[in-house]
Amino acid sequence: MANITNISSSSELAELLQKSRVVVADFYADWCGPCKAIAPLYEKCAETFAKPGAITFVKVNTETQKDIARAYRVTSLPTFILFRDGKEVSKVTGADPTKLQEMVNKISDAAGESSGSGSGGDVWMGAGLPRGYGDVTSQIEPKGCELLNVDDDAPPVQVLFDSTKPSALDESRAAALKASGEKDWIDSGADDQLLLFMPFQSVVKLHTIQITSIPPSAAEDDDDEPPMRPALIHLYTNKPHNLDFSEADDTPPTQAITLTSSDWNADGTANISLRFVKFQNISSLIIYVNKGDGEGEKVRVDRIRLIGEAGEKRDMGKLEKMGDLPGE
C-alpha cells in the first residue's frame, strides 16, 4: 500500500491535512468484515488518484486511534471522509463501492486543479469505476500513439486521454476554446472511421473501456451535418504498430462491440465491458471505429478512459518504429 499512509497519531493526521490539498481517509477496524471487503477498491483508488503533496489517501484504525474517530463522529465502519484544505467536504458510511467511487470522483473538484492541463490533476470520468479496478489510462505511452483519418484541424491525439471534463459539458471552457479556435475532441476526416493505436508503458489487464462522444446538435454545428457517435468498434490487442484500414478490415478483432443509443449515459459516455479473459496481458491496443451511428460522414470522440490493472513496466525502446502509410 505504497500510496496509502497509515495514521499513527492525531498530530500526524493534522499535519497531513495542512500539507495536502486533498485527503481521503478510510476509518476501519481489523475485526470489521465489510472494511476488509472494500479495502481492495480503496487501494485501487489510491493507486489511481494519489498525488504527492496534493491528494493523499490515509487509513485510520479506529481501535488504536479512538480520539480521531470521536473527533470526526465516526460511529459506523467503514467510514470514508474526503477533506479539502483541512475541512470535511464529503462522507460515505458503509462498504458501498458505488458511493465510494462517486466520492473519489469528486477529487478533481476538491483538488481545485486547473482544468485543461491534462497533467493528471483533474480526474473527470464519464462513468463510475467497476468494483475492484482502477483507471489505467496513464499507462498509455503518448509518444507511441497514432491516430488515422483525423480532421485537418484536429488537436493532438493526447487530447483523448485528457483527464479533465470535456468542454461539451463545461460552458465556460467551451467558450474559452471557441475564442481561441481550439478543440478538445477528435473528429474523423474523410469518412466515419478512425484507427487509434495505443502502446502501454506496462503490461496491463483491461476490464472496461469508457468512450465519451458528445456530438453537437444540427443547430449548434457549423457544418451541414454534425458528426456521429461511434456505433461499431473493433478492438485489436498486442500489435507492434498500427494497422491500416484494409488490414483492420481483414483482421479478426479481439472483440467487436456494437453500441446503441441506450449505451450512452447522460455524460455521453459508453461503458464497454471487455471479455476479460482476452485482455489479460496487453502491451498495446488498437481501437477501430468502423462505423458511426447514422448516415453522416464523420464521427466524434471526446475522451477515452481505460479501466483495469497495471503490471510491470515495459522497455519502450522495444516498440517498433512506425512509418508513414503509403499515399500519406
Protein backbone atom coordinates (compact mmCIF):
# COMPACT_ATOMS: atom_id res chain seq x y z
CA MET A 1 0.00 0.00 0.00
CA ALA A 2 2.68 2.46 -1.09
CA ASN A 3 0.04 5.07 -1.96
CA ILE A 4 -1.69 4.92 1.44
CA THR A 5 -0.48 6.39 4.75
CA ASN A 6 -1.39 4.56 7.97
CA ILE A 7 -2.14 7.25 10.57
CA SER A 8 -0.36 6.68 13.88
CA SER A 9 -1.47 9.81 15.77
CA SER A 10 -3.87 12.75 15.61
CA SER A 11 -0.91 15.09 15.11
CA GLU A 12 0.18 13.13 12.03
CA LEU A 13 -3.29 13.46 10.50
CA ALA A 14 -3.43 17.16 11.37
CA GLU A 15 -0.09 17.70 9.64
CA LEU A 16 -1.26 15.91 6.50
CA LEU A 17 -4.46 17.95 6.43
CA GLN A 18 -2.30 21.08 6.37
CA LYS A 19 0.25 19.87 3.81
CA SER A 20 -2.03 18.10 1.31
CA ARG A 21 -4.80 20.00 -0.50
CA VAL A 22 -6.99 16.88 -0.52
CA VAL A 23 -7.01 13.99 1.96
CA VAL A 24 -9.17 10.87 1.67
CA ALA A 25 -9.46 8.91 4.93
CA ASP A 26 -10.59 5.32 5.44
CA PHE A 27 -11.76 4.70 9.02
CA TYR A 28 -11.68 0.94 9.68
CA ALA A 29 -11.02 -1.81 12.25
CA ASP A 30 -9.18 -5.10 11.88
CA TRP A 31 -12.24 -7.07 13.02
CA CYS A 32 -14.57 -5.37 10.51
CA GLY A 33 -15.56 -7.72 7.67
CA PRO A 34 -17.04 -5.03 5.38
CA CYS A 35 -13.86 -2.97 5.89
CA LYS A 36 -11.79 -5.86 4.55
CA ALA A 37 -14.19 -6.44 1.66
CA ILE A 38 -13.93 -2.89 0.31
CA ALA A 39 -10.23 -2.40 1.10
CA PRO A 40 -9.03 -3.57 -2.37
CA LEU A 41 -11.20 -0.95 -4.07
CA TYR A 42 -9.88 1.78 -1.76
CA GLU A 43 -6.32 0.69 -2.58
CA LYS A 44 -7.10 0.86 -6.30
CA CYS A 45 -8.47 4.38 -5.88
CA ALA A 46 -5.30 5.40 -4.06
CA GLU A 47 -3.15 3.87 -6.77
CA THR A 48 -5.05 5.79 -9.43
CA PHE A 49 -5.52 9.21 -7.85
CA ALA A 50 -2.82 9.77 -5.18
CA LYS A 51 -0.55 12.70 -5.97
CA PRO A 52 2.31 13.66 -3.60
CA GLY A 53 1.58 16.87 -1.75
CA ALA A 54 -1.81 17.31 -3.40
CA ILE A 55 -4.00 14.20 -3.00
CA THR A 56 -3.27 11.87 -0.07
CA PHE A 57 -5.01 8.64 0.91
CA VAL A 58 -4.84 7.52 4.56
CA LYS A 59 -6.18 4.73 6.75
CA VAL A 60 -7.23 5.32 10.36
CA ASN A 61 -7.55 2.29 12.67
CA THR A 62 -10.42 3.25 14.97
CA GLU A 63 -9.28 0.77 17.63
CA THR A 64 -5.90 2.44 18.09
CA GLN A 65 -6.96 6.00 17.10
CA LYS A 66 -10.20 6.38 19.05
CA ASP A 67 -9.65 10.11 19.60
CA ILE A 68 -9.58 10.72 15.84
CA ALA A 69 -12.71 8.63 15.33
CA ARG A 70 -14.53 10.63 18.01
CA ALA A 71 -13.34 13.94 16.57
CA TYR A 72 -14.88 13.12 13.18
CA ARG A 73 -18.01 11.44 14.60
CA VAL A 74 -17.23 8.02 13.14
CA THR A 75 -19.86 5.65 14.55
CA SER A 76 -20.10 3.05 11.73
CA LEU A 77 -17.45 1.11 9.86
CA PRO A 78 -16.11 1.56 7.37
CA THR A 79 -16.43 5.34 7.02
CA PHE A 80 -14.70 7.34 4.29
CA ILE A 81 -14.17 11.09 4.58
CA LEU A 82 -12.96 13.48 1.88
CA PHE A 83 -11.18 16.62 3.14
CA ARG A 84 -10.28 19.75 1.23
CA ASP A 85 -7.96 22.32 2.82
CA GLY A 86 -8.39 20.52 6.14
CA LYS A 87 -12.20 20.68 6.08
CA GLU A 88 -14.59 17.77 5.65
CA VAL A 89 -16.47 18.05 2.35
CA SER A 90 -17.92 14.55 1.86
CA LYS A 91 -18.55 11.40 3.89
CA VAL A 92 -19.55 7.84 2.94
CA THR A 93 -20.69 5.38 5.59
CA GLY A 94 -20.62 1.64 4.93
CA ALA A 95 -18.95 -0.62 2.38
CA ASP A 96 -20.79 0.81 -0.63
CA PRO A 97 -18.46 0.67 -3.67
CA THR A 98 -20.68 2.89 -5.80
CA LYS A 99 -20.79 5.68 -3.21
CA LEU A 100 -17.05 5.38 -2.57
CA GLN A 101 -16.33 5.69 -6.30
CA GLU A 102 -18.64 8.70 -6.55
CA MET A 103 -16.84 10.37 -3.66
CA VAL A 104 -13.42 9.68 -5.13
CA ASN A 105 -14.58 11.06 -8.47
CA LYS A 106 -15.18 14.38 -6.69
CA ILE A 107 -11.45 14.68 -6.05
CA SER A 108 -10.99 16.79 -9.19
CA ASP A 109 -13.36 19.44 -7.82
CA ALA A 110 -11.91 19.20 -4.32
CA ALA A 111 -8.32 19.46 -5.52
CA GLY A 112 -9.08 22.66 -7.38
CA GLU A 113 -6.58 21.86 -10.10
CA SER A 114 -6.64 23.95 -13.24
CA SER A 115 -8.75 22.43 -15.99
CA GLY A 116 -7.29 21.75 -19.38
CA SER A 117 -3.81 20.90 -18.13
CA GLY A 118 -4.16 17.20 -18.83
CA SER A 119 -1.46 16.60 -16.23
CA GLY A 120 -3.49 14.29 -14.05
CA GLY A 121 -4.70 16.90 -11.56
CA ASP A 122 -8.30 16.60 -12.69
CA VAL A 123 -9.84 13.15 -12.70
CA TRP A 124 -13.16 13.57 -14.52
CA MET A 125 -14.61 10.27 -15.64
CA GLY A 126 -17.71 9.78 -17.72
CA ALA A 127 -18.85 6.75 -15.72
CA GLY A 128 -18.07 5.06 -12.40
CA LEU A 129 -15.29 2.54 -11.90
CA PRO A 130 -16.23 -1.14 -11.84
CA ARG A 131 -15.65 -2.67 -8.44
CA GLY A 132 -12.06 -3.68 -7.77
CA TYR A 133 -10.50 -1.92 -10.79
CA GLY A 134 -8.80 1.41 -11.39
CA ASP A 135 -8.16 3.93 -14.15
CA VAL A 136 -5.06 2.79 -16.09
CA THR A 137 -5.22 5.43 -18.85
CA SER A 138 -1.96 6.86 -17.51
CA GLN A 139 -0.24 3.65 -18.66
CA ILE A 140 -0.65 4.73 -22.31
CA GLU A 141 2.64 5.83 -23.89
CA PRO A 142 1.53 9.07 -25.63
CA LYS A 143 4.58 9.39 -27.87
CA GLY A 144 3.86 6.00 -29.42
CA CYS A 145 0.20 6.66 -30.19
CA GLU A 146 -1.03 7.03 -33.75
CA LEU A 147 -4.49 8.10 -34.96
CA LEU A 148 -5.51 7.70 -38.61
CA ASN A 149 -8.15 9.61 -40.60
CA VAL A 150 -8.50 12.70 -38.41
CA ASP A 151 -9.97 16.02 -39.45
CA ASP A 152 -7.47 18.62 -40.68
CA ASP A 153 -7.93 20.87 -37.64
CA ALA A 154 -7.93 18.07 -35.06
CA PRO A 155 -5.78 18.57 -31.94
CA PRO A 156 -3.03 16.06 -30.98
CA VAL A 157 -4.25 12.56 -30.17
CA GLN A 158 -3.34 13.04 -26.50
CA VAL A 159 -6.49 15.14 -26.05
CA LEU A 160 -8.47 11.89 -25.97
CA PHE A 161 -6.71 10.90 -22.73
CA ASP A 162 -7.12 14.30 -21.06
CA SER A 163 -8.46 13.75 -17.55
CA THR A 164 -10.45 17.00 -17.45
CA LYS A 165 -14.16 17.37 -18.14
CA PRO A 166 -14.90 17.71 -21.88
CA SER A 167 -15.69 21.25 -22.95
CA ALA A 168 -19.04 20.00 -24.30
CA LEU A 169 -20.05 19.61 -20.63
CA ASP A 170 -18.39 22.82 -19.41
CA GLU A 171 -19.80 26.06 -20.82
CA SER A 172 -17.01 28.33 -19.60
CA ARG A 173 -14.32 26.09 -21.02
CA ALA A 174 -16.23 25.67 -24.27
CA ALA A 175 -16.38 29.46 -24.65
CA ALA A 176 -12.65 29.80 -23.99
CA LEU A 177 -11.76 27.13 -26.54
CA LYS A 178 -14.07 28.63 -29.15
CA ALA A 179 -12.47 32.03 -28.67
CA SER A 180 -9.01 30.54 -29.17
CA GLY A 181 -10.08 28.37 -32.10
CA GLU A 182 -9.01 25.20 -30.28
CA LYS A 183 -10.74 21.84 -29.79
CA ASP A 184 -10.60 19.24 -27.06
CA TRP A 185 -12.15 16.45 -29.13
CA ILE A 186 -11.40 14.47 -32.29
CA ASP A 187 -13.47 14.38 -35.48
CA SER A 188 -12.77 11.88 -38.24
CA GLY A 189 -11.72 13.15 -41.63
CA ALA A 190 -12.75 11.66 -44.95
CA ASP A 191 -15.40 9.29 -43.58
CA ASP A 192 -16.81 7.87 -40.34
CA GLN A 193 -13.80 5.69 -39.46
CA LEU A 194 -10.90 6.15 -37.01
CA LEU A 195 -7.94 3.92 -36.18
CA LEU A 196 -6.21 4.57 -32.85
CA PHE A 197 -3.03 2.70 -31.83
CA MET A 198 -2.02 2.88 -28.13
CA PRO A 199 1.13 1.20 -26.74
CA PHE A 200 1.41 0.84 -22.95
CA GLN A 201 4.22 1.65 -20.54
CA SER A 202 3.43 -1.57 -18.66
CA VAL A 203 1.62 -4.78 -19.47
CA VAL A 204 -1.99 -4.20 -18.39
CA LYS A 205 -5.16 -6.15 -17.76
CA LEU A 206 -8.14 -4.38 -19.30
CA HIS A 207 -11.62 -4.73 -17.86
CA THR A 208 -13.56 -1.80 -19.33
CA ILE A 209 -13.21 0.95 -21.93
CA GLN A 210 -15.08 4.21 -21.44
CA ILE A 211 -15.62 6.19 -24.63
CA THR A 212 -17.14 9.66 -24.40
CA SER A 213 -18.72 11.16 -27.51
CA ILE A 214 -20.79 14.36 -27.34
CA PRO A 215 -21.69 15.47 -30.88
CA PRO A 216 -23.41 18.85 -31.16
CA SER A 217 -26.92 19.16 -32.47
CA ALA A 218 -27.50 20.29 -36.03
CA ALA A 219 -28.42 23.75 -34.73
CA GLU A 220 -25.14 24.02 -32.78
CA ASP A 221 -22.85 22.73 -35.52
CA ASP A 222 -21.41 24.99 -38.21
CA ASP A 223 -21.23 22.13 -40.73
CA ASP A 224 -24.14 20.98 -42.84
CA GLU A 225 -24.22 17.69 -40.94
CA PRO A 226 -22.95 17.20 -37.38
CA PRO A 227 -20.66 14.28 -36.54
CA MET A 228 -21.98 10.98 -35.19
CA ARG A 229 -21.20 8.78 -32.24
CA PRO A 230 -19.32 5.51 -32.81
CA ALA A 231 -21.63 2.56 -33.43
CA LEU A 232 -19.37 -0.34 -34.46
CA ILE A 233 -15.97 -0.71 -32.78
CA HIS A 234 -13.31 -3.40 -33.31
CA LEU A 235 -10.51 -3.94 -30.78
CA TYR A 236 -7.12 -5.49 -31.55
CA THR A 237 -4.50 -6.35 -28.93
CA ASN A 238 -0.70 -6.69 -28.81
CA LYS A 239 0.05 -5.39 -32.30
CA PRO A 240 3.57 -3.90 -32.68
CA HIS A 241 2.23 -0.95 -34.68
CA ASN A 242 -0.98 0.44 -36.10
CA LEU A 243 -2.94 -1.32 -38.82
CA ASP A 244 -4.12 0.45 -41.92
CA PHE A 245 -7.83 0.36 -42.71
CA SER A 246 -7.65 -2.53 -45.20
CA GLU A 247 -5.60 -4.59 -42.71
CA ALA A 248 -8.11 -3.83 -39.96
CA ASP A 249 -10.99 -4.92 -42.17
CA ASP A 250 -9.18 -8.19 -42.98
CA THR A 251 -8.04 -8.97 -39.40
CA PRO A 252 -10.41 -10.72 -36.97
CA PRO A 253 -10.79 -8.42 -33.94
CA THR A 254 -10.08 -9.49 -30.38
CA GLN A 255 -13.56 -8.17 -29.65
CA ALA A 256 -16.25 -6.41 -31.69
CA ILE A 257 -18.69 -4.03 -29.99
CA THR A 258 -21.96 -2.66 -31.33
CA LEU A 259 -23.23 0.41 -29.49
CA THR A 260 -26.84 1.63 -29.48
CA SER A 261 -28.39 4.80 -28.13
CA SER A 262 -29.14 3.10 -24.79
CA ASP A 263 -25.41 2.51 -24.17
CA TRP A 264 -24.66 6.24 -23.80
CA ASN A 265 -25.25 7.83 -20.41
CA ALA A 266 -26.16 11.44 -19.60
CA ASP A 267 -22.50 12.48 -19.87
CA GLY A 268 -22.21 11.00 -23.35
CA THR A 269 -20.15 8.02 -22.19
CA ALA A 270 -20.45 4.38 -23.19
CA ASN A 271 -19.13 1.95 -20.57
CA ILE A 272 -17.83 -1.00 -22.63
CA SER A 273 -17.22 -4.24 -20.74
CA LEU A 274 -14.49 -6.41 -22.24
CA ARG A 275 -14.13 -10.17 -22.40
CA PHE A 276 -11.65 -10.03 -19.55
CA VAL A 277 -10.05 -13.39 -20.35
CA LYS A 278 -8.90 -11.97 -23.72
CA PHE A 279 -7.41 -8.80 -22.24
CA GLN A 280 -5.08 -10.20 -19.56
CA ASN A 281 -1.56 -9.38 -20.78
CA ILE A 282 -1.92 -6.38 -23.06
CA SER A 283 1.06 -4.40 -24.36
CA SER A 284 -0.88 -2.40 -26.96
CA LEU A 285 -4.46 -1.75 -28.00
CA ILE A 286 -6.00 -0.64 -31.29
CA ILE A 287 -9.46 0.89 -31.28
CA TYR A 288 -11.03 0.84 -34.74
CA VAL A 289 -14.17 2.92 -35.06
CA ASN A 290 -15.62 1.09 -38.03
CA LYS A 291 -18.91 2.93 -38.38
CA GLY A 292 -20.91 5.79 -36.93
CA ASP A 293 -24.49 5.62 -35.66
CA GLY A 294 -26.12 7.15 -38.70
CA GLU A 295 -25.61 8.09 -42.32
CA GLY A 296 -23.26 11.01 -41.68
CA GLU A 297 -19.74 11.47 -42.97
CA LYS A 298 -17.72 11.64 -39.74
CA VAL A 299 -17.64 10.54 -36.11
CA ARG A 300 -16.58 12.34 -32.97
CA VAL A 301 -14.72 11.12 -29.87
CA ASP A 302 -14.17 13.38 -26.86
CA ARG A 303 -12.46 11.12 -24.29
CA ILE A 304 -11.17 7.58 -23.83
CA ARG A 305 -10.54 6.03 -20.40
CA LEU A 306 -9.12 2.56 -19.84
CA ILE A 307 -10.07 0.63 -16.70
CA GLY A 308 -8.22 -2.40 -15.36
CA GLU A 309 -4.94 -3.28 -13.65
CA ALA A 310 -1.37 -2.20 -14.42
CA GLY A 311 1.55 -4.63 -14.29
CA GLU A 312 5.32 -4.44 -14.67
CA LYS A 313 6.93 -1.65 -16.69
CA ARG A 314 7.87 -2.43 -20.28
CA ASP A 315 11.00 -1.43 -22.16
CA MET A 316 9.50 1.15 -24.51
CA GLY A 317 12.69 1.03 -26.62
CA LYS A 318 11.47 -2.28 -27.99
CA LEU A 319 8.46 -0.72 -29.70
CA GLU A 320 8.67 -0.97 -33.45
CA LYS A 321 9.07 2.40 -35.14
CA MET A 322 6.01 3.43 -37.13
CA GLY A 323 6.50 4.79 -40.61
CA ASP A 324 4.18 6.73 -42.87
CA LEU A 325 1.44 4.80 -44.61
CA PRO A 326 1.55 4.56 -48.38
CA GLY A 327 -0.08 7.51 -50.04
CA GLU A 328 0.13 9.80 -46.99
